[in-house]
């Protein structure tokens, strides 16, 4: 009995056949690697005339997940004129029942930088054909040839700002089911051998530094940098006088996470609430407070922070956290697999930090967020706390918790409304990694919930003894 040959496009409809294309240096080599990880066989025909034949040969061998690479190298190897090359490619698409095309694009500036950096091979037009043309000219020719392919693409990924991990997530989102993606995350990314928490830490640090560099000039009213935009940002919004500048900071997080996190995630942020990126019910939660203390910062009172924290639901653990002081540029950070917590500035660090060893309230410098009148009245009712403390400082947020971690303060107390997760978790994780204590008023550990409005009352201290002393005098 002979095997039925693949003869018409109807035979291809139930197969997973995809076309991968893109510009030189846009990330196709990485894309092929990620697709192979998903079980695809990747092939690179030397001419579009060979596509159907090569795919048919694989199908006859019971291979049903196939990616066909078609790019400028295919054009060069085919020795065809551009119009004939495209006509042949279109014919192959018709024969294969129009498989989806994924096209990797990128800005000219980044492509030129990637192709020109030391140690990189020449553009294929120069390397394979020996054409004596600049990188810019080669890219111009390539774009003219591949533009019709890009216009047919179902999926276009811009890799201009996309990291290796970000590209991986975007490809997995296209080619896997929610369950497969979730399983791969739990099995691969959370394994001790991968240390994905360090990847997330680097992502967080880079975004925090970017936010500081973008926002600080606006807060300092740098007219050479911001011009009239600064005054517009200071105008009162009908809902919140600080909301406009907070949204500027939040957008840096949204873009940075989208381009650099390699797995699906749920972003929980003060401004926009909950934003799901990738497949449904992601394991990774990302808590972001774009700017904490904006109402003070726009008055040039230097108590303003930006923070991010990563949490795995399956591990029930925080993976990494970063808190940045917008005015000084100092950042605090910690990660799951690295011992301790750290601080670094623009010209020093990283330096490992430790909380103080203060045990008695009479020796403690404590903080409480009591800027709003109602909060201040509530603090005034805590006479025993005030009378027995060494100093009481009026501020809160993740930055103040980090000051406890670095021994610049001894405790932060929140007994009024409670902090939301985006205000709390980053500083709390850094403090715990530094060796301090952060627990709820009922002495239980902090709870992590996906609800942006969920709040908790807590005490963050340098020692267990100081936590107990504060609880004993609080009027609850």
Protein backbone atom coordinates (compact mmCIF):
# COMPACT_ATOMS: atom_id res chain seq x y z
CA UNK A 1 0.00 0.00 0.00
CA UNK A 2 1.50 3.31 -1.04
CA UNK A 3 1.25 6.52 1.00
CA UNK A 4 -1.06 9.18 -0.43
CA UNK A 5 0.99 12.07 -1.82
CA UNK A 6 0.31 15.66 -0.79
CA UNK A 7 -1.10 17.12 -3.96
CA UNK A 8 -3.42 20.04 -3.19
CA UNK A 9 -3.96 22.79 -0.67
CA UNK A 10 -6.79 20.85 1.02
CA UNK A 11 -4.15 18.45 2.30
CA UNK A 12 -2.39 21.26 4.20
CA UNK A 13 -5.38 22.79 6.00
CA UNK A 14 -5.14 20.63 9.12
CA UNK A 15 -1.39 21.07 9.50
CA UNK A 16 0.50 23.73 11.48
CA UNK A 17 2.42 25.40 8.68
CA UNK A 18 3.75 28.92 9.21
CA UNK A 19 5.95 31.35 7.31
CA UNK A 20 8.64 33.30 9.20
CA UNK A 21 10.10 36.39 7.57
CA UNK A 22 11.66 39.67 8.58
CA UNK A 23 14.49 42.07 8.04
CA UNK A 24 18.14 41.19 8.63
CA UNK A 25 19.12 41.55 12.33
CA UNK A 26 15.47 41.75 13.42
CA UNK A 27 15.68 38.57 15.53
CA UNK A 28 14.80 35.72 13.15
CA UNK A 29 17.55 33.43 14.49
CA UNK A 30 16.10 33.73 17.98
CA UNK A 31 12.57 33.31 16.65
CA UNK A 32 13.58 30.03 14.99
CA UNK A 33 15.09 28.81 18.25
CA UNK A 34 11.89 29.59 20.18
CA UNK A 35 9.71 27.95 17.53
CA UNK A 36 11.87 24.82 17.63
CA UNK A 37 11.40 24.81 21.41
CA UNK A 38 7.67 24.63 20.70
CA UNK A 39 8.14 21.54 18.55
CA UNK A 40 8.28 23.11 15.10
CA UNK A 41 10.66 21.92 12.39
CA UNK A 42 12.15 24.99 10.72
CA UNK A 43 13.34 24.92 7.11
CA UNK A 44 14.98 27.47 4.83
CA UNK A 45 14.32 26.74 1.15
CA UNK A 46 16.74 28.29 -1.33
CA UNK A 47 13.88 29.42 -3.57
CA UNK A 48 10.13 30.00 -3.17
CA UNK A 49 9.70 27.38 -5.91
CA UNK A 50 10.96 24.78 -3.42
CA UNK A 51 8.63 25.67 -0.55
CA UNK A 52 5.72 23.37 -1.40
CA UNK A 53 8.04 20.52 -2.33
CA UNK A 54 10.04 20.79 0.91
CA UNK A 55 6.91 21.01 3.05
CA UNK A 56 5.35 18.03 1.26
CA UNK A 57 8.46 15.97 1.95
CA UNK A 58 8.19 16.69 5.68
CA UNK A 59 4.47 15.99 5.76
CA UNK A 60 5.07 12.57 4.16
CA UNK A 61 7.35 11.86 7.14
CA UNK A 62 4.45 12.61 9.52
CA UNK A 63 5.82 16.02 10.52
CA UNK A 64 2.91 18.35 11.09
CA UNK A 65 4.46 21.46 12.70
CA UNK A 66 6.55 23.29 10.12
CA UNK A 67 7.98 26.80 9.88
CA UNK A 68 9.29 27.99 6.52
CA UNK A 69 11.87 30.77 6.56
CA UNK A 70 11.55 33.22 3.67
CA UNK A 71 13.76 36.31 3.79
CA UNK A 72 16.44 38.19 1.90
CA UNK A 73 18.69 35.10 1.88
CA UNK A 74 15.95 33.17 0.10
CA UNK A 75 15.80 35.91 -2.50
CA UNK A 76 19.58 35.91 -2.98
CA UNK A 77 19.83 32.11 -3.22
CA UNK A 78 16.94 31.91 -5.71
CA UNK A 79 18.76 34.11 -8.27
CA UNK A 80 15.33 35.43 -9.31
CA UNK A 81 14.30 38.96 -10.15
CA UNK A 82 12.29 40.59 -7.37
CA UNK A 83 8.95 40.47 -9.17
CA UNK A 84 9.42 36.82 -10.18
CA UNK A 85 10.54 35.97 -6.63
CA UNK A 86 7.36 37.49 -5.18
CA UNK A 87 5.16 35.85 -7.81
CA UNK A 88 6.67 32.47 -6.98
CA UNK A 89 6.22 33.11 -3.26
CA UNK A 90 2.56 34.00 -3.75
CA UNK A 91 2.05 30.81 -5.70
CA UNK A 92 3.55 28.79 -2.85
CA UNK A 93 1.20 30.48 -0.38
CA UNK A 94 -1.74 29.49 -2.55
CA UNK A 95 -0.54 25.88 -2.76
CA UNK A 96 -0.12 25.71 1.04
CA UNK A 97 -3.65 27.06 1.68
CA UNK A 98 -2.35 30.49 2.73
CA UNK A 99 -0.45 29.71 5.95
CA UNK A 100 -0.07 32.63 8.40
CA UNK A 101 3.02 34.78 8.08
CA UNK A 102 4.92 36.18 11.07
CA UNK A 103 7.15 39.11 10.15
CA UNK A 104 9.84 40.60 12.38
CA UNK A 105 10.33 44.31 11.89
CA UNK A 106 12.58 46.88 13.53
CA UNK A 107 13.58 50.53 13.26
CA UNK A 108 16.33 51.43 10.80
CA UNK A 109 18.44 52.94 13.58
CA UNK A 110 18.48 49.71 15.60
CA UNK A 111 18.96 47.46 12.54
CA UNK A 112 21.94 49.55 11.47
CA UNK A 113 23.41 49.41 14.96
CA UNK A 114 22.97 45.63 15.15
CA UNK A 115 24.47 45.06 11.70
CA UNK A 116 27.35 47.46 12.25
CA UNK A 117 28.50 46.43 15.69
CA UNK A 118 31.88 44.78 16.00
CA UNK A 119 31.90 41.04 15.40
CA UNK A 120 28.62 40.94 13.51
CA UNK A 121 28.50 39.48 9.99
CA UNK A 122 27.81 41.78 7.05
CA UNK A 123 24.38 42.34 5.63
CA UNK A 124 23.52 39.32 3.44
CA UNK A 125 23.56 41.47 0.28
CA UNK A 126 27.20 42.28 1.02
CA UNK A 127 28.21 38.90 2.44
CA UNK A 128 26.50 36.67 -0.17
CA UNK A 129 26.61 38.81 -3.28
CA UNK A 130 29.72 40.83 -2.53
CA UNK A 131 27.86 44.08 -3.18
CA UNK A 132 29.95 47.10 -2.24
CA UNK A 133 27.18 49.06 -0.53
CA UNK A 134 26.65 50.54 2.91
CA UNK A 135 24.46 48.94 5.55
CA UNK A 136 21.91 51.70 5.02
CA UNK A 137 21.77 51.04 1.27
CA UNK A 138 21.52 47.28 1.80
CA UNK A 139 18.60 47.71 4.21
CA UNK A 140 16.86 49.97 1.72
CA UNK A 141 17.12 47.30 -0.99
CA UNK A 142 16.00 44.57 1.42
CA UNK A 143 12.95 46.54 2.54
CA UNK A 144 11.88 47.17 -1.03
CA UNK A 145 12.00 43.43 -1.75
CA UNK A 146 10.35 42.21 1.46
CA UNK A 147 7.70 44.91 1.90
CA UNK A 148 5.08 42.88 -0.05
CA UNK A 149 5.77 39.94 2.28
CA UNK A 150 5.30 42.16 5.34
CA UNK A 151 2.01 43.45 3.96
CA UNK A 152 0.68 39.88 3.85
CA UNK A 153 1.73 39.10 7.43
CA UNK A 154 -0.87 38.14 10.02
CA UNK A 155 1.54 38.81 12.88
CA UNK A 156 4.08 41.65 12.90
CA UNK A 157 6.47 41.90 15.85
CA UNK A 158 8.50 45.09 16.22
CA UNK A 159 11.75 44.14 17.93
CA UNK A 160 13.12 47.68 18.21
CA UNK A 161 12.75 47.73 22.00
CA UNK A 162 12.07 44.04 22.51
CA UNK A 163 14.49 41.94 24.55
CA UNK A 164 15.20 38.24 23.96
CA UNK A 165 12.72 37.35 26.73
CA UNK A 166 10.11 39.71 25.35
CA UNK A 167 10.39 38.18 21.88
CA UNK A 168 10.05 34.73 23.36
CA UNK A 169 6.83 35.63 25.17
CA UNK A 170 5.30 37.24 22.08
CA UNK A 171 6.06 34.16 19.97
CA UNK A 172 4.73 31.80 22.64
CA UNK A 173 1.55 33.87 22.88
CA UNK A 174 0.93 33.30 19.16
CA UNK A 175 1.76 29.61 18.97
CA UNK A 176 0.70 28.06 22.31
CA UNK A 177 -2.48 27.52 24.26
CA UNK A 178 -2.97 29.20 27.65
CA UNK A 179 -2.42 25.91 29.49
CA UNK A 180 0.74 25.04 27.55
CA UNK A 181 2.18 28.47 28.23
CA UNK A 182 1.32 28.27 31.93
CA UNK A 183 2.85 24.79 32.24
CA UNK A 184 6.05 25.86 30.47
CA UNK A 185 6.36 28.86 32.77
CA UNK A 186 5.99 26.80 35.93
CA UNK A 187 8.29 24.05 34.69
CA UNK A 188 11.00 26.14 33.05
CA UNK A 189 11.08 29.75 34.21
CA UNK A 190 10.56 28.96 37.89
CA UNK A 191 13.18 26.21 38.05
CA UNK A 192 16.24 26.91 40.20
CA UNK A 193 18.52 26.44 37.20
CA UNK A 194 17.07 29.34 35.23
CA UNK A 195 17.04 32.13 37.86
CA UNK A 196 14.39 34.01 35.94
CA UNK A 197 14.02 36.23 39.00
CA UNK A 198 17.35 37.78 38.03
CA UNK A 199 15.99 38.53 34.57
CA UNK A 200 12.96 40.19 36.13
CA UNK A 201 15.20 42.11 38.51
CA UNK A 202 17.19 43.50 35.60
CA UNK A 203 13.97 44.41 33.79
CA UNK A 204 12.69 46.18 36.89
CA UNK A 205 15.92 48.08 37.48
CA UNK A 206 16.09 49.27 33.89
CA UNK A 207 12.50 50.51 33.90
CA UNK A 208 12.86 52.26 37.26
CA UNK A 209 15.99 54.04 36.04
CA UNK A 210 14.20 55.04 32.84
CA UNK A 211 11.22 56.40 34.79
CA UNK A 212 13.52 58.45 37.01
CA UNK A 213 15.40 59.88 34.02
CA UNK A 214 12.15 60.80 32.24
CA UNK A 215 10.15 62.11 35.20
CA UNK A 216 12.72 63.98 37.29
CA UNK A 217 13.17 66.79 34.73
CA UNK A 218 9.41 67.31 34.67
CA UNK A 219 9.27 67.54 38.44
CA UNK A 220 12.20 69.94 38.51
CA UNK A 221 10.62 72.06 35.76
CA UNK A 222 13.55 71.78 33.37
CA UNK A 223 12.38 74.11 30.60
CA UNK A 224 15.14 73.04 28.22
CA UNK A 225 13.89 69.47 28.43
CA UNK A 226 10.18 69.79 28.88
CA UNK A 227 9.20 73.28 27.74
CA UNK A 228 5.50 74.02 27.85
CA UNK A 229 4.76 70.37 28.58
CA UNK A 230 5.76 70.92 32.22
CA UNK A 231 3.13 73.53 32.83
CA UNK A 232 0.51 71.35 31.17
CA UNK A 233 1.42 68.50 33.50
CA UNK A 234 1.02 70.77 36.51
CA UNK A 235 -2.47 71.81 35.53
CA UNK A 236 -5.15 70.32 37.75
CA UNK A 237 -7.00 67.38 36.32
CA UNK A 238 -10.73 67.14 37.09
CA UNK A 239 -10.11 63.87 38.92
CA UNK A 240 -6.60 64.24 40.32
CA UNK A 241 -4.12 67.08 40.06
CA UNK A 242 -1.21 64.64 39.79
CA UNK A 243 -2.78 62.07 37.46
CA UNK A 244 -1.27 63.35 34.21
CA UNK A 245 2.33 63.04 35.31
CA UNK A 246 1.59 59.65 36.92
CA UNK A 247 0.31 58.38 33.57
CA UNK A 248 3.52 59.50 31.87
CA UNK A 249 5.45 57.34 34.36
CA UNK A 250 3.02 54.44 34.06
CA UNK A 251 3.43 54.30 30.29
CA UNK A 252 7.17 53.69 30.74
CA UNK A 253 6.29 50.61 32.80
CA UNK A 254 3.67 49.34 30.37
CA UNK A 255 6.04 49.63 27.40
CA UNK A 256 9.11 48.32 29.24
CA UNK A 257 7.30 45.25 30.58
CA UNK A 258 5.64 44.48 27.25
CA UNK A 259 8.99 44.44 25.48
CA UNK A 260 11.08 42.64 28.08
CA UNK A 261 9.09 40.14 30.17
CA UNK A 262 9.23 36.67 28.66
CA UNK A 263 6.03 35.22 30.14
CA UNK A 264 2.36 36.21 30.44
CA UNK A 265 1.63 38.48 33.39
CA UNK A 266 -1.06 40.48 35.13
CA UNK A 267 0.00 44.09 35.66
CA UNK A 268 -1.61 45.72 38.69
CA UNK A 269 -0.97 49.45 38.75
CA UNK A 270 -2.39 52.41 40.63
CA UNK A 271 -3.41 54.38 37.55
CA UNK A 272 -4.92 51.80 35.17
CA UNK A 273 -5.86 49.03 37.56
CA UNK A 274 -5.41 45.50 36.17
CA UNK A 275 -3.90 44.89 32.72
CA UNK A 276 -3.52 41.29 31.53
CA UNK A 277 -0.70 40.69 29.05
CA UNK A 278 -0.58 37.33 27.29
CA UNK A 279 -2.63 34.24 28.03
CA UNK A 280 -5.45 34.04 30.54
CA UNK A 281 -4.84 33.49 34.27
CA UNK A 282 -1.07 34.17 34.17
CA UNK A 283 1.11 32.96 37.02
CA UNK A 284 3.17 36.15 37.21
CA UNK A 285 1.75 39.21 38.98
CA UNK A 286 3.46 42.58 38.53
CA UNK A 287 2.65 45.33 41.02
CA UNK A 288 3.60 48.86 39.95
CA UNK A 289 3.31 52.26 41.58
CA UNK A 290 4.50 54.58 38.79
CA UNK A 291 4.94 57.51 41.18
CA UNK A 292 4.32 57.57 44.90
CA UNK A 293 4.20 61.06 46.37
CA UNK A 294 3.49 63.00 43.18
CA UNK A 295 1.50 65.67 44.99
CA UNK A 296 4.62 66.41 47.06
CA UNK A 297 7.00 66.08 44.14
CA UNK A 298 5.28 68.68 41.94
CA UNK A 299 5.87 71.11 44.83
CA UNK A 300 9.54 70.09 44.79
CA UNK A 301 9.32 68.34 48.15
CA UNK A 302 11.79 65.48 47.56
CA UNK A 303 9.73 62.54 48.84
CA UNK A 304 8.81 60.71 45.65
CA UNK A 305 9.37 57.08 44.63
CA UNK A 306 8.68 54.69 41.78
CA UNK A 307 8.44 50.95 42.37
CA UNK A 308 7.82 47.53 40.84
CA UNK A 309 7.43 44.05 42.32
CA UNK A 310 7.13 40.59 40.70
CA UNK A 311 5.22 37.72 42.35
CA UNK A 312 4.64 34.07 41.33
CA UNK A 313 1.26 32.61 42.30
CA UNK A 314 2.43 29.01 41.88
CA UNK A 315 5.47 29.53 44.13
CA UNK A 316 3.56 31.83 46.48
CA UNK A 317 6.71 33.94 46.57
CA UNK A 318 7.99 37.32 45.47
CA UNK A 319 10.59 37.03 42.71
CA UNK A 320 12.09 40.51 42.57
CA UNK A 321 11.41 44.11 43.59
CA UNK A 322 12.90 47.53 42.84
CA UNK A 323 12.18 50.89 44.49
CA UNK A 324 13.68 54.10 43.12
CA UNK A 325 14.05 57.50 44.81
CA UNK A 326 13.09 59.88 42.01
CA UNK A 327 14.99 62.88 43.34
CA UNK A 328 18.27 61.22 44.41
CA UNK A 329 18.32 58.48 41.77
CA UNK A 330 19.09 55.87 44.45
CA UNK A 331 17.48 52.46 43.89
CA UNK A 332 16.80 49.67 46.38
CA UNK A 333 16.32 46.11 45.16
CA UNK A 334 16.19 42.42 46.03
CA UNK A 335 15.49 39.10 44.31
CA UNK A 336 14.44 35.59 45.33
CA UNK A 337 17.65 33.72 44.48
CA UNK A 338 20.11 36.35 45.71
CA UNK A 339 20.84 36.73 49.40
CA UNK A 340 20.12 40.09 50.98
CA UNK A 341 18.91 43.45 49.68
CA UNK A 342 20.94 46.14 47.98
CA UNK A 343 21.20 49.85 47.29
CA UNK A 344 23.00 51.61 44.47
CA UNK A 345 23.34 55.14 43.19
CA UNK A 346 24.52 56.67 39.95
CA UNK A 347 28.13 56.68 41.14
CA UNK A 348 28.32 53.87 43.72
CA UNK A 349 27.10 50.40 44.61
CA UNK A 350 25.71 47.90 44.75
CA UNK A 351 26.01 47.87 48.52
CA UNK A 352 24.25 45.32 50.68
CA UNK A 353 21.94 46.92 53.24
CA UNK A 354 20.85 45.85 56.72
CA UNK A 355 18.20 47.25 59.07
CA UNK A 356 19.14 48.64 62.47
CA UNK A 357 18.96 46.44 65.56
CA UNK A 358 16.76 48.82 67.54
CA UNK A 359 14.40 46.91 69.86
CA UNK A 360 12.92 49.58 72.10
CA UNK A 361 10.38 52.18 71.00
CA UNK A 362 12.21 54.84 72.98
CA UNK A 363 15.18 54.48 70.63
CA UNK A 364 13.15 54.20 67.41
CA UNK A 365 12.81 56.63 64.54
CA UNK A 366 9.38 55.75 63.13
CA UNK A 367 7.37 56.91 60.12
CA UNK A 368 3.67 57.16 59.50
CA UNK A 369 1.86 58.45 56.43
CA UNK A 370 -0.21 61.25 57.95
CA UNK A 371 -0.14 63.97 55.30
CA UNK A 372 -3.89 64.01 54.73
CA UNK A 373 -5.89 65.69 57.53
CA UNK A 374 -7.90 62.61 58.50
CA UNK A 375 -4.75 60.54 58.77
CA UNK A 376 -3.08 63.21 60.87
CA UNK A 377 -6.04 63.23 63.27
CA UNK A 378 -5.81 59.44 63.57
CA UNK A 379 -2.09 59.66 64.35
CA UNK A 380 -2.84 62.27 67.02
CA UNK A 381 -5.00 59.71 68.80
CA UNK A 382 -1.99 57.40 69.18
CA UNK A 383 -0.64 59.31 72.18
CA UNK A 384 1.18 56.36 73.70
CA UNK A 385 2.99 55.68 70.43
CA UNK A 386 3.99 59.32 70.02
CA UNK A 387 5.08 59.83 73.62
CA UNK A 388 7.22 56.69 73.71
CA UNK A 389 8.98 57.08 70.33
CA UNK A 390 12.29 58.81 69.79
CA UNK A 391 11.10 60.54 66.60
CA UNK A 392 7.97 60.41 64.45
CA UNK A 393 8.39 61.26 60.77
CA UNK A 394 5.45 62.03 58.49
CA UNK A 395 5.78 59.99 55.29
CA UNK A 396 4.99 56.56 53.89
CA UNK A 397 5.06 54.37 50.81
CA UNK A 398 7.61 51.86 49.50
CA UNK A 399 10.50 54.29 49.83
CA UNK A 400 9.97 54.65 53.58
CA UNK A 401 9.85 50.87 53.99
CA UNK A 402 13.19 50.71 52.17
CA UNK A 403 14.57 53.31 54.58
CA UNK A 404 13.82 50.80 57.33
CA UNK A 405 15.70 48.14 55.33
CA UNK A 406 18.76 50.41 55.07
CA UNK A 407 18.67 51.53 58.76
CA UNK A 408 17.79 55.12 57.90
CA UNK A 409 14.58 54.60 59.87
CA UNK A 410 13.50 51.93 62.31
CA UNK A 411 9.82 51.42 61.57
CA UNK A 412 6.90 52.40 59.34
CA UNK A 413 3.43 52.04 60.80
CA UNK A 414 0.17 51.94 58.81
CA UNK A 415 -2.89 51.56 61.04
CA UNK A 416 -5.37 53.80 59.23
CA UNK A 417 -6.62 53.00 55.73
CA UNK A 418 -3.98 50.44 54.81
CA UNK A 419 -1.65 50.31 51.79
CA UNK A 420 -2.59 48.79 48.45
CA UNK A 421 -0.31 46.10 47.01
CA UNK A 422 1.39 48.46 44.57
CA UNK A 423 2.39 50.70 47.53
CA UNK A 424 3.38 47.88 49.86
CA UNK A 425 4.83 44.72 48.32
CA UNK A 426 8.03 46.08 46.76
CA UNK A 427 9.28 47.71 49.96
CA UNK A 428 8.07 44.82 52.14
CA UNK A 429 9.96 42.24 50.07
CA UNK A 430 13.16 44.31 50.09
CA UNK A 431 12.87 44.77 53.87
CA UNK A 432 12.35 41.04 54.45
CA UNK A 433 15.38 40.18 52.28
CA UNK A 434 17.44 42.71 54.24
CA UNK A 435 16.50 40.95 57.48
CA UNK A 436 13.65 43.11 58.75
CA UNK A 437 10.01 42.43 59.57
CA UNK A 438 6.82 43.40 57.76
CA UNK A 439 3.58 41.92 59.07
CA UNK A 440 -0.06 42.81 59.36
CA UNK A 441 -1.47 44.22 62.59
CA UNK A 442 -2.84 40.76 63.42
CA UNK A 443 0.79 39.52 63.31
CA UNK A 444 0.10 37.45 60.20
CA UNK A 445 2.19 37.63 57.02
CA UNK A 446 1.08 39.94 54.26
CA UNK A 447 -1.53 38.56 51.87
CA UNK A 448 -1.11 38.91 48.09
CA UNK A 449 -4.27 39.45 46.08
CA UNK A 450 -4.87 40.38 42.46
CA UNK A 451 -7.45 43.02 43.41
CA UNK A 452 -6.01 46.50 42.83
CA UNK A 453 -8.20 47.88 45.65
CA UNK A 454 -7.14 45.34 48.30
CA UNK A 455 -5.45 47.11 51.23
CA UNK A 456 -3.66 45.93 54.38
CA UNK A 457 -2.72 47.57 57.66
CA UNK A 458 0.77 46.63 58.74
CA UNK A 459 3.94 47.46 60.63
CA UNK A 460 7.39 47.34 59.03
CA UNK A 461 10.24 47.20 61.55
CA UNK A 462 13.92 46.47 61.83
CA UNK A 463 13.43 43.78 64.53
CA UNK A 464 10.75 41.46 65.88
CA UNK A 465 11.17 43.04 69.30
CA UNK A 466 10.36 46.52 68.00
CA UNK A 467 7.31 45.11 66.16
CA UNK A 468 6.05 43.68 69.46
CA UNK A 469 6.70 46.93 71.33
CA UNK A 470 4.78 48.99 68.77
CA UNK A 471 1.82 46.57 68.74
CA UNK A 472 1.67 46.79 72.53
CA UNK A 473 1.15 50.57 72.55
CA UNK A 474 -1.04 50.99 69.48
CA UNK A 475 -4.63 51.95 70.10
CA UNK A 476 -6.50 49.71 67.64
